[in-house]
C-alpha atoms as a PDB file:
ATOM      1  CA  MET A   1      14.707  23.093  16.724  1.00  0.00           C
ATOM      2  CA  PRO A   2      12.151  20.492  17.960  1.00  0.00           C
ATOM      3  CA  LYS A   3       9.469  19.517  15.473  1.00  0.00           C
ATOM      4  CA  SER A   4       5.950  20.504  16.517  1.00  0.00           C
ATOM      5  CA  ASN A   5       3.037  18.139  15.889  1.00  0.00           C
ATOM      6  CA  VAL A   6       0.542  20.957  16.371  1.00  0.00           C
ATOM      7  CA  ILE A   7      -1.319  22.171  13.321  1.00  0.00           C
ATOM      8  CA  PRO A   8      -2.061  25.907  13.229  1.00  0.00           C
ATOM      9  CA  GLY A   9      -5.675  26.594  14.124  1.00  0.00           C
ATOM     10  CA  ASN A  10      -6.013  23.397  16.182  1.00  0.00           C
ATOM     11  CA  THR A  11      -6.034  24.946  19.606  1.00  0.00           C
ATOM     12  CA  ILE A  12      -8.295  24.228  22.509  1.00  0.00           C
ATOM     13  CA  PRO A  13      -9.875  27.271  24.207  1.00  0.00           C
ATOM     14  CA  GLY A  14      -7.826  28.036  27.291  1.00  0.00           C
ATOM     15  CA  ASN A  15      -4.860  25.999  26.034  1.00  0.00           C
ATOM     16  CA  THR A  16      -1.654  27.988  25.771  1.00  0.00           C
ATOM     17  CA  GLY A  17      -0.350  26.035  22.786  1.00  0.00           C
ATOM     18  CA  ALA A  18       1.830  23.105  21.822  1.00  0.00           C
ATOM     19  CA  ALA A  19       3.825  22.912  25.041  1.00  0.00           C
ATOM     20  CA  ALA A  20       0.779  22.969  27.351  1.00  0.00           C
ATOM     21  CA  ARG A  21       0.025  19.226  27.475  1.00  0.00           C
ATOM     22  CA  PRO A  22       2.350  17.288  25.177  1.00  0.00           C
ATOM     23  CA  GLU A  23       2.352  14.143  27.332  1.00  0.00           C
ATOM     24  CA  ALA A  24      -1.442  13.989  27.408  1.00  0.00           C
ATOM     25  CA  ALA A  25      -1.680  14.561  23.651  1.00  0.00           C
ATOM     26  CA  GLU A  26       0.948  11.857  23.065  1.00  0.00           C
ATOM     27  CA  ALA A  27      -1.005   9.471  25.317  1.00  0.00           C
ATOM     28  CA  VAL A  28      -4.144  10.105  23.223  1.00  0.00           C
ATOM     29  CA  ALA A  29      -2.155   9.569  20.000  1.00  0.00           C
ATOM     30  CA  ASP A  30      -0.730   6.314  21.390  1.00  0.00           C
ATOM     31  CA  GLY A  31      -4.193   5.177  22.459  1.00  0.00           C
ATOM     32  CA  ILE A  32      -5.704   5.910  19.047  1.00  0.00           C
ATOM     33  CA  SER A  33      -2.788   4.194  17.287  1.00  0.00           C
ATOM     34  CA  GLY A  34      -3.317   1.162  19.501  1.00  0.00           C
ATOM     35  CA  LEU A  35      -7.033   1.197  18.727  1.00  0.00           C
ATOM     36  CA  LEU A  36      -6.346   1.374  14.985  1.00  0.00           C
ATOM     37  CA  ARG A  37      -3.925  -1.571  15.203  1.00  0.00           C
ATOM     38  CA  THR A  38      -6.524  -3.552  17.154  1.00  0.00           C
ATOM     39  CA  VAL A  39      -9.235  -2.731  14.602  1.00  0.00           C
ATOM     40  CA  ARG A  40      -6.937  -3.753  11.709  1.00  0.00           C
ATOM     41  CA  LYS A  41      -6.203  -7.076  13.442  1.00  0.00           C
ATOM     42  CA  ALA A  42      -9.913  -7.617  14.061  1.00  0.00           C
ATOM     43  CA  LYS A  43     -10.702  -6.869  10.408  1.00  0.00           C
ATOM     44  CA  ALA A  44      -8.006  -9.327   9.297  1.00  0.00           C
ATOM     45  CA  ARG A  45      -9.495 -12.022  11.559  1.00  0.00           C
ATOM     46  CA  MET A  46     -12.963 -11.340  10.145  1.00  0.00           C
ATOM     47  CA  MET A  47     -11.698 -11.380   6.559  1.00  0.00           C
ATOM     48  CA  SER A  48     -10.124 -14.792   7.116  1.00  0.00           C
ATOM     49  CA  LYS A  49     -13.590 -16.245   7.749  1.00  0.00           C
ATOM     50  CA  ARG A  50     -15.358 -17.492   4.644  1.00  0.00           C
ATOM     51  CA  GLY A  51     -18.560 -15.749   3.689  1.00  0.00           C
ATOM     52  CA  ASP A  52     -17.877 -12.615   5.689  1.00  0.00           C
ATOM     53  CA  VAL A  53     -18.752  -9.392   3.868  1.00  0.00           C
ATOM     54  CA  GLU A  54     -15.783  -7.006   3.779  1.00  0.00           C
ATOM     55  CA  SER A  55     -16.305  -3.888   5.906  1.00  0.00           C
ATOM     56  CA  ALA A  56     -15.935  -1.570   2.896  1.00  0.00           C
ATOM     57  CA  MET A  57     -18.770  -3.448   1.239  1.00  0.00           C
ATOM     58  CA  VAL A  58     -20.879  -3.196   4.395  1.00  0.00           C
ATOM     59  CA  LEU A  59     -20.338   0.563   4.186  1.00  0.00           C
ATOM     60  CA  LEU A  60     -21.742   0.462   0.649  1.00  0.00           C
ATOM     61  CA  LEU A  61     -24.769  -1.502   1.842  1.00  0.00           C
ATOM     62  CA  HIS A  62     -25.350   0.990   4.678  1.00  0.00           C
ATOM     63  CA  THR A  63     -25.068   3.910   2.283  1.00  0.00           C
ATOM     64  CA  VAL A  64     -27.477   2.405  -0.254  1.00  0.00           C
ATOM     65  CA  ALA A  65     -29.895   1.627   2.587  1.00  0.00           C
ATOM     66  CA  GLU A  66     -29.736   5.263   3.751  1.00  0.00           C
ATOM     67  CA  THR A  67     -29.959   6.905   0.327  1.00  0.00           C
ATOM     68  CA  GLY A  68     -32.114   4.459  -1.585  1.00  0.00           C
ATOM     69  CA  PRO A  69     -31.255   3.401  -5.122  1.00  0.00           C
ATOM     70  CA  VAL A  70     -28.166   5.320  -6.212  1.00  0.00           C
ATOM     71  CA  ARG A  71     -25.770   5.616  -9.142  1.00  0.00           C
ATOM     72  CA  ALA A  72     -22.318   4.119  -8.610  1.00  0.00           C
ATOM     73  CA  SER A  73     -20.702   7.538  -9.115  1.00  0.00           C
ATOM     74  CA  THR A  74     -22.890   9.080  -6.398  1.00  0.00           C
ATOM     75  CA  LEU A  75     -22.169   6.126  -4.120  1.00  0.00           C
ATOM     76  CA  ALA A  76     -18.417   6.541  -4.671  1.00  0.00           C
ATOM     77  CA  ALA A  77     -18.615  10.235  -3.811  1.00  0.00           C
ATOM     78  CA  SER A  78     -20.748   9.473  -0.761  1.00  0.00           C
ATOM     79  CA  VAL A  79     -18.216   7.001   0.675  1.00  0.00           C
ATOM     80  CA  GLN A  80     -15.260   9.121  -0.486  1.00  0.00           C
ATOM     81  CA  SER A  81     -13.777   6.427  -2.683  1.00  0.00           C
ATOM     82  CA  ASP A  82     -12.870   6.223  -6.329  1.00  0.00           C
ATOM     83  CA  LEU A  83     -15.431   4.992  -8.836  1.00  0.00           C
ATOM     84  CA  SER A  84     -13.373   1.989  -9.981  1.00  0.00           C
ATOM     85  CA  THR A  85     -13.097   0.631  -6.428  1.00  0.00           C
ATOM     86  CA  VAL A  86     -16.798   1.146  -5.702  1.00  0.00           C
ATOM     87  CA  SER A  87     -17.762  -0.375  -9.069  1.00  0.00           C
ATOM     88  CA  ARG A  88     -15.688  -3.478  -8.309  1.00  0.00           C
ATOM     89  CA  GLN A  89     -17.164  -3.796  -4.802  1.00  0.00           C
ATOM     90  CA  ALA A  90     -20.689  -3.196  -6.112  1.00  0.00           C
ATOM     91  CA  ALA A  91     -20.192  -5.892  -8.755  1.00  0.00           C
ATOM     92  CA  THR A  92     -19.259  -8.326  -5.977  1.00  0.00           C
ATOM     93  CA  LEU A  93     -22.348  -7.321  -3.985  1.00  0.00           C
ATOM     94  CA  VAL A  94     -24.530  -7.729  -7.100  1.00  0.00           C
ATOM     95  CA  SER A  95     -23.101 -11.176  -7.837  1.00  0.00           C
ATOM     96  CA  SER A  96     -23.637 -12.095  -4.162  1.00  0.00           C
ATOM     97  CA  GLY A  97     -27.287 -11.083  -4.462  1.00  0.00           C
ATOM     98  CA  LEU A  98     -27.027  -8.262  -1.908  1.00  0.00           C
ATOM     99  CA  LEU A  99     -27.435  -5.425  -4.422  1.00  0.00           C
ATOM    100  CA  GLU A 100     -29.252  -5.279  -7.728  1.00  0.00           C
ATOM    101  CA  ARG A 101     -28.925  -3.018 -10.726  1.00  0.00           C
ATOM    102  CA  ARG A 102     -32.010  -1.119 -11.829  1.00  0.00           C
ATOM    103  CA  ALA A 103     -32.658   1.289 -14.667  1.00  0.00           C
ATOM    104  CA  ASP A 104     -32.695   4.920 -13.584  1.00  0.00           C
ATOM    105  CA  PRO A 105     -36.293   6.126 -14.095  1.00  0.00           C
ATOM    106  CA  VAL A 106     -35.004   9.624 -14.922  1.00  0.00           C
ATOM    107  CA  ASP A 107     -32.316   8.475 -17.374  1.00  0.00           C
ATOM    108  CA  GLY A 108     -32.910   4.972 -18.706  1.00  0.00           C
ATOM    109  CA  ARG A 109     -29.318   4.771 -19.967  1.00  0.00           C
ATOM    110  CA  ALA A 110     -28.005   4.985 -16.396  1.00  0.00           C
ATOM    111  CA  GLY A 111     -28.164   2.293 -13.759  1.00  0.00           C
ATOM    112  CA  LEU A 112     -28.952   2.470 -10.084  1.00  0.00           C
ATOM    113  CA  LEU A 113     -27.766   0.205  -7.303  1.00  0.00           C
ATOM    114  CA  ALA A 114     -30.451  -0.930  -4.851  1.00  0.00           C
ATOM    115  CA  LEU A 115     -30.583  -3.291  -1.895  1.00  0.00           C
ATOM    116  CA  THR A 116     -32.165  -6.659  -2.467  1.00  0.00           C
ATOM    117  CA  PRO A 117     -34.153  -8.408   0.279  1.00  0.00           C
ATOM    118  CA  ALA A 118     -31.019 -10.517   0.899  1.00  0.00           C
ATOM    119  CA  GLY A 119     -29.000  -7.305   1.177  1.00  0.00           C
ATOM    120  CA  GLU A 120     -31.476  -5.885   3.675  1.00  0.00           C
ATOM    121  CA  ALA A 121     -31.293  -9.107   5.708  1.00  0.00           C
ATOM    122  CA  SER A 122     -27.470  -9.125   5.585  1.00  0.00           C
ATOM    123  CA  LEU A 123     -27.336  -5.512   6.690  1.00  0.00           C
ATOM    124  CA  ALA A 124     -29.813  -6.116   9.530  1.00  0.00           C
ATOM    125  CA  GLU A 125     -27.727  -9.089  10.658  1.00  0.00           C
ATOM    126  CA  HIS A 126     -24.581  -6.941  10.583  1.00  0.00           C
ATOM    127  CA  VAL A 127     -26.232  -4.164  12.628  1.00  0.00           C
ATOM    128  CA  GLN A 128     -27.485  -6.679  15.191  1.00  0.00           C
ATOM    129  CA  ALA A 129     -24.080  -8.405  15.430  1.00  0.00           C
ATOM    130  CA  ARG A 130     -22.301  -5.051  15.805  1.00  0.00           C
ATOM    131  CA  ALA A 131     -24.660  -4.016  18.615  1.00  0.00           C
ATOM    132  CA  ALA A 132     -24.087  -7.322  20.423  1.00  0.00           C
ATOM    133  CA  PHE A 133     -20.323  -7.030  19.958  1.00  0.00           C
ATOM    134  CA  PHE A 134     -20.198  -3.544  21.459  1.00  0.00           C
ATOM    135  CA  GLU A 135     -22.455  -4.618  24.309  1.00  0.00           C
ATOM    136  CA  ASN A 136     -19.730  -7.149  25.161  1.00  0.00           C
ATOM    137  CA  VAL A 137     -16.908  -4.625  24.669  1.00  0.00           C
ATOM    138  CA  LEU A 138     -18.636  -2.172  27.002  1.00  0.00           C
ATOM    139  CA  ASP A 139     -19.581  -4.773  29.618  1.00  0.00           C
ATOM    140  CA  GLY A 140     -19.034  -3.272  33.047  1.00  0.00           C
ATOM    141  CA  TRP A 141     -19.373   0.327  31.849  1.00  0.00           C
ATOM    142  CA  THR A 142     -22.168   2.430  33.286  1.00  0.00           C
ATOM    143  CA  GLU A 143     -24.606   4.194  30.986  1.00  0.00           C
ATOM    144  CA  ASP A 144     -23.077   7.493  32.108  1.00  0.00           C
ATOM    145  CA  GLU A 145     -19.564   6.295  31.188  1.00  0.00           C
ATOM    146  CA  MET A 146     -20.771   5.116  27.791  1.00  0.00           C
ATOM    147  CA  GLY A 147     -22.514   8.445  27.194  1.00  0.00           C
ATOM    148  CA  GLN A 148     -19.409  10.403  28.177  1.00  0.00           C
ATOM    149  CA  PHE A 149     -17.196   8.219  25.990  1.00  0.00           C
ATOM    150  CA  ALA A 150     -19.577   8.505  23.028  1.00  0.00           C
ATOM    151  CA  GLY A 151     -19.656  12.293  23.370  1.00  0.00           C
ATOM    152  CA  LEU A 152     -15.885  12.615  23.679  1.00  0.00           C
ATOM    153  CA  LEU A 153     -15.328  10.197  20.813  1.00  0.00           C
ATOM    154  CA  ALA A 154     -17.703  12.151  18.568  1.00  0.00           C
ATOM    155  CA  ARG A 155     -15.922  15.383  19.514  1.00  0.00           C
ATOM    156  CA  PHE A 156     -12.514  13.820  18.854  1.00  0.00           C
ATOM    157  CA  THR A 157     -13.641  12.367  15.516  1.00  0.00           C
ATOM    158  CA  ALA A 158     -15.028  15.709  14.316  1.00  0.00           C
ATOM    159  CA  SER A 159     -11.845  17.514  15.352  1.00  0.00           C
ATOM    160  CA  TYR A 160      -9.638  14.839  13.791  1.00  0.00           C
ATOM    161  CA  ASP A 161     -11.566  15.045  10.510  1.00  0.00           C
ATOM    162  CA  ARG A 162     -11.389  18.849  10.426  1.00  0.00           C
ATOM    163  CA  VAL A 163      -7.683  19.036  11.281  1.00  0.00           C
ATOM    164  CA  HIS A 164      -6.756  16.126   9.016  1.00  0.00           C
ATOM    165  CA  ALA A 165      -8.579  17.722   6.077  1.00  0.00           C
ATOM    166  CA  ALA A 166      -6.575  20.934   6.629  1.00  0.00           C
ATOM    167  CA  TRP A 167      -3.366  18.932   7.148  1.00  0.00           C
ATOM    168  CA  THR A 168      -3.924  16.971   3.935  1.00  0.00           C
ATOM    169  CA  THR A 169      -4.832  20.077   1.938  1.00  0.00           C
ATOM    170  CA  GLU A 170      -1.701  21.787   3.200  1.00  0.00           C
ATOM    171  CA  ARG A 171       0.432  18.856   1.978  1.00  0.00           C
ATOM    172  CA  THR A 172      -1.379  17.893  -1.249  1.00  0.00           C
ATOM    173  CA  PRO A 173       0.882  19.852  -3.648  1.00  0.00           C
ATOM    174  CA  ARG A 174       3.953  18.064  -2.272  1.00  0.00           C
ATOM    175  CA  THR A 175       3.976  14.954  -4.454  1.00  0.00           C
ATOM    176  CA  ASP A 176       7.394  13.890  -3.118  1.00  0.00           C
ATOM    177  CA  GLN A 177       5.750  13.055   0.216  1.00  0.00           C
ATOM    178  CA  ALA A 178       2.570  11.358  -0.993  1.00  0.00           C
ATOM    179  CA  ALA A 179       2.711   8.801   1.824  1.00  0.00           C
ATOM    180  CA  THR A 180       2.330  11.534   4.445  1.00  0.00           C
ATOM    181  CA  THR A 181      -1.148  12.482   3.244  1.00  0.00           C
ATOM    182  CA  GLU A 182      -2.630   9.547   5.132  1.00  0.00           C
ATOM    183  CA  GLY A 183      -1.990  11.369   8.367  1.00  0.00           C
ATOM    184  CA  PRO A 184      -0.027  10.912  11.533  1.00  0.00           C
ATOM    185  CA  LEU A 185      -2.093   7.940  12.753  1.00  0.00           C
ATOM    186  CA  ALA A 186      -2.284   5.858   9.609  1.00  0.00           C
END
C-alpha cells in the first residue's frame, strides 16, 4: 500500500484528497527543501565571517526590542527554545554589549534582559541590511508579484505551522522515532 504524505485535516476546500495534485504538492515540497538548503548555506557563509551575530541571537535581540526588558525564561518561551540555550546566547549578547542585565523592579531577586544602545544600533543595522538584501533578491519583481508572493508565503507558513504542530503532537509519544519530530522538510 503506498504511503500517504497527507495529514488528516489538512485538506484544501474543493480538493478531493491526497491523489488530487500529488505532483504539484511534491514540487512545492522540493522547492521549500531547496530554499531551506539555500538558507542553511547562506547562514553558514555568514557565520564564517568574524563579528557576525548569529541569527538565533538576532532573534533574541528582535524579541527583546519588541517586548522590552524581559526575563530569560520568558524570552526562551517567546522564541520557543530551552532556557539553557537562551541563557547561553544571552550571556554572549551581554558580554558583547548588545544586551544588559537589569534588576526586575517587581522582584529585585530576578533579572531582566534589555537592549543596550549598541544592541539597538546592531538590530537597526541588521534590519536595514536585511531590507537591502531582499530588495536585491526581488530585483525584477513587480510590486504585485511581491504582494502575491508575500500573501501566499504567509498562508503557506501558517498552514505549515498548524499542520506541523499536529504532526509533531501525533508523533511525540513515539520516542523510538525522535528524529521524525523535526518534520518532513527538516
